[in-house]
């Protein structure tokens, strides 16, 4: 397994983030189309995304986050944490941390070791953060 860490900031007040996410993701589950570009190669896959609130501490919201490819294929599965913190007045910082498992067992581990699989996993996390930014920044 390999790790992912990425973050973004969004123009959404910290206290409004949970309501906006819940309004968008019915019960914490959704099918999201994620696209990753590696040079000229463009990989598109629908992933089943799962978000679940978990206990946090003041000033932070924590959610368990996981995804898996809806119909299999060359996409990693992921499990980790999405954390939300106030960044500046009216802005929030969203971070994703976790581990992913390359597809296809031993062959997938070799694919990941060649850095291609890692770029797909990192690209998927970045695409998810970009999608969350679009959702949370909407008026």
Protein backbone atom coordinates (compact mmCIF):
# COMPACT_ATOMS: atom_id res chain seq x y z
CA UNK A 1 0.00 0.00 0.00
CA UNK A 2 1.08 3.54 -0.70
CA UNK A 3 0.04 6.83 0.81
CA UNK A 4 -1.65 9.95 -0.44
CA UNK A 5 -1.66 13.41 1.11
CA UNK A 6 -3.11 16.44 -0.64
CA UNK A 7 -5.10 19.55 0.26
CA UNK A 8 -6.98 22.51 -1.13
CA UNK A 9 -8.66 25.61 0.21
CA UNK A 10 -12.25 26.54 -0.60
CA UNK A 11 -14.28 29.72 -0.39
CA UNK A 12 -16.77 28.21 2.04
CA UNK A 13 -17.15 29.04 5.73
CA UNK A 14 -16.04 26.17 7.95
CA UNK A 15 -19.41 25.81 9.67
CA UNK A 16 -21.23 25.41 6.31
CA UNK A 17 -19.02 22.61 4.92
CA UNK A 18 -20.83 19.64 6.54
CA UNK A 19 -24.29 20.82 5.42
CA UNK A 20 -23.15 21.41 1.85
CA UNK A 21 -21.44 18.02 1.66
CA UNK A 22 -24.45 16.23 3.14
CA UNK A 23 -26.79 18.04 0.73
CA UNK A 24 -24.67 16.94 -2.21
CA UNK A 25 -23.82 13.38 -1.14
CA UNK A 26 -26.97 11.47 -0.33
CA UNK A 27 -26.17 9.71 2.93
CA UNK A 28 -22.43 10.01 2.28
CA UNK A 29 -22.37 7.82 -0.84
CA UNK A 30 -22.02 8.92 -4.43
CA UNK A 31 -20.81 7.84 -7.84
CA UNK A 32 -18.26 10.33 -9.12
CA UNK A 33 -16.68 10.39 -12.55
CA UNK A 34 -12.97 10.97 -11.98
CA UNK A 35 -10.52 11.75 -14.75
CA UNK A 36 -6.75 11.54 -14.57
CA UNK A 37 -4.38 12.69 -17.30
CA UNK A 38 -0.86 11.28 -17.48
CA UNK A 39 0.84 12.94 -20.42
CA UNK A 40 -1.33 12.13 -23.41
CA UNK A 41 -3.08 9.26 -21.60
CA UNK A 42 -6.49 10.14 -20.15
CA UNK A 43 -8.07 7.66 -17.76
CA UNK A 44 -11.72 8.07 -16.81
CA UNK A 45 -13.51 5.92 -14.28
CA UNK A 46 -16.63 6.17 -12.19
CA UNK A 47 -15.77 5.55 -8.57
CA UNK A 48 -18.04 4.72 -5.68
CA UNK A 49 -17.26 7.33 -3.04
CA UNK A 50 -18.15 6.86 0.61
CA UNK A 51 -18.02 9.61 3.25
CA UNK A 52 -18.83 9.07 6.91
CA UNK A 53 -18.57 11.58 9.74
CA UNK A 54 -16.45 10.61 12.69
CA UNK A 55 -15.71 12.19 16.04
CA UNK A 56 -13.47 15.22 15.81
CA UNK A 57 -12.28 17.99 18.04
CA UNK A 58 -13.14 21.72 18.11
CA UNK A 59 -12.18 23.51 14.92
CA UNK A 60 -11.98 20.34 12.82
CA UNK A 61 -14.44 18.13 11.02
CA UNK A 62 -13.28 14.61 10.21
CA UNK A 63 -14.78 12.19 7.73
CA UNK A 64 -13.75 8.70 6.77
CA UNK A 65 -13.40 8.64 2.99
CA UNK A 66 -13.03 5.68 0.68
CA UNK A 67 -13.50 4.90 -2.97
CA UNK A 68 -13.30 1.96 -5.30
CA UNK A 69 -13.76 1.76 -9.05
CA UNK A 70 -17.42 1.15 -9.87
CA UNK A 71 -16.67 -1.44 -12.52
CA UNK A 72 -13.10 -2.47 -11.71
CA UNK A 73 -10.22 -1.69 -14.02
CA UNK A 74 -6.90 0.06 -13.56
CA UNK A 75 -7.91 2.21 -10.65
CA UNK A 76 -6.77 1.97 -7.04
CA UNK A 77 -9.01 1.56 -4.03
CA UNK A 78 -8.51 4.13 -1.29
CA UNK A 79 -9.28 4.47 2.43
CA UNK A 80 -8.41 7.45 4.56
CA UNK A 81 -9.53 10.65 6.21
CA UNK A 82 -10.90 13.89 4.88
CA UNK A 83 -10.34 16.71 7.36
CA UNK A 84 -11.84 20.17 7.23
CA UNK A 85 -10.46 23.13 9.17
CA UNK A 86 -11.07 26.87 9.12
CA UNK A 87 -8.35 28.50 7.06
CA UNK A 88 -9.28 32.19 7.00
CA UNK A 89 -12.50 34.08 7.47
CA UNK A 90 -14.96 32.50 5.01
CA UNK A 91 -12.43 29.90 3.81
CA UNK A 92 -11.82 26.27 4.74
CA UNK A 93 -8.87 23.94 4.21
CA UNK A 94 -9.67 20.39 3.13
CA UNK A 95 -7.02 17.70 3.44
CA UNK A 96 -7.07 14.11 2.30
CA UNK A 97 -4.78 11.51 3.87
CA UNK A 98 -4.83 7.78 3.44
CA UNK A 99 -3.57 4.71 1.71
CA UNK A 100 -4.44 3.13 -1.57
CA UNK A 101 -4.17 -0.38 -2.88
CA UNK A 102 -3.14 -0.75 -6.51
CA UNK A 103 -5.37 -2.90 -8.71
CA UNK A 104 -4.37 -6.32 -10.06
CA UNK A 105 -2.42 -7.69 -7.06
CA UNK A 106 1.29 -8.32 -7.77
CA UNK A 107 1.07 -6.90 -11.28
CA UNK A 108 -0.56 -3.78 -9.85
CA UNK A 109 2.20 -3.41 -7.26
CA UNK A 110 4.76 -3.46 -10.10
CA UNK A 111 2.61 -0.93 -11.99
CA UNK A 112 2.58 1.27 -8.87
CA UNK A 113 6.31 0.85 -8.29
CA UNK A 114 6.91 2.15 -11.82
CA UNK A 115 5.25 5.39 -10.59
CA UNK A 116 2.39 5.20 -13.10
CA UNK A 117 -0.03 3.72 -10.56
CA UNK A 118 1.03 6.30 -8.00
CA UNK A 119 0.30 9.14 -10.44
CA UNK A 120 -3.15 7.66 -11.07
CA UNK A 121 -3.86 7.50 -7.32
CA UNK A 122 -2.51 11.01 -6.69
CA UNK A 123 -4.47 12.33 -9.68
CA UNK A 124 -7.64 10.73 -8.36
CA UNK A 125 -7.18 12.43 -4.97
CA UNK A 126 -6.51 15.78 -6.66
CA UNK A 127 -9.61 15.33 -8.85
CA UNK A 128 -11.72 14.51 -5.78
CA UNK A 129 -10.47 17.65 -4.01
CA UNK A 130 -11.22 19.71 -7.13
CA UNK A 131 -14.76 18.28 -7.22
CA UNK A 132 -15.26 19.04 -3.52
CA UNK A 133 -13.99 22.57 -4.15
CA UNK A 134 -16.57 23.00 -6.94
CA UNK A 135 -19.34 21.69 -4.68
CA UNK A 136 -18.39 23.80 -1.67
CA UNK A 137 -17.68 26.99 -3.60
CA UNK A 138 -21.05 26.99 -5.35
CA UNK A 139 -23.31 29.86 -4.25
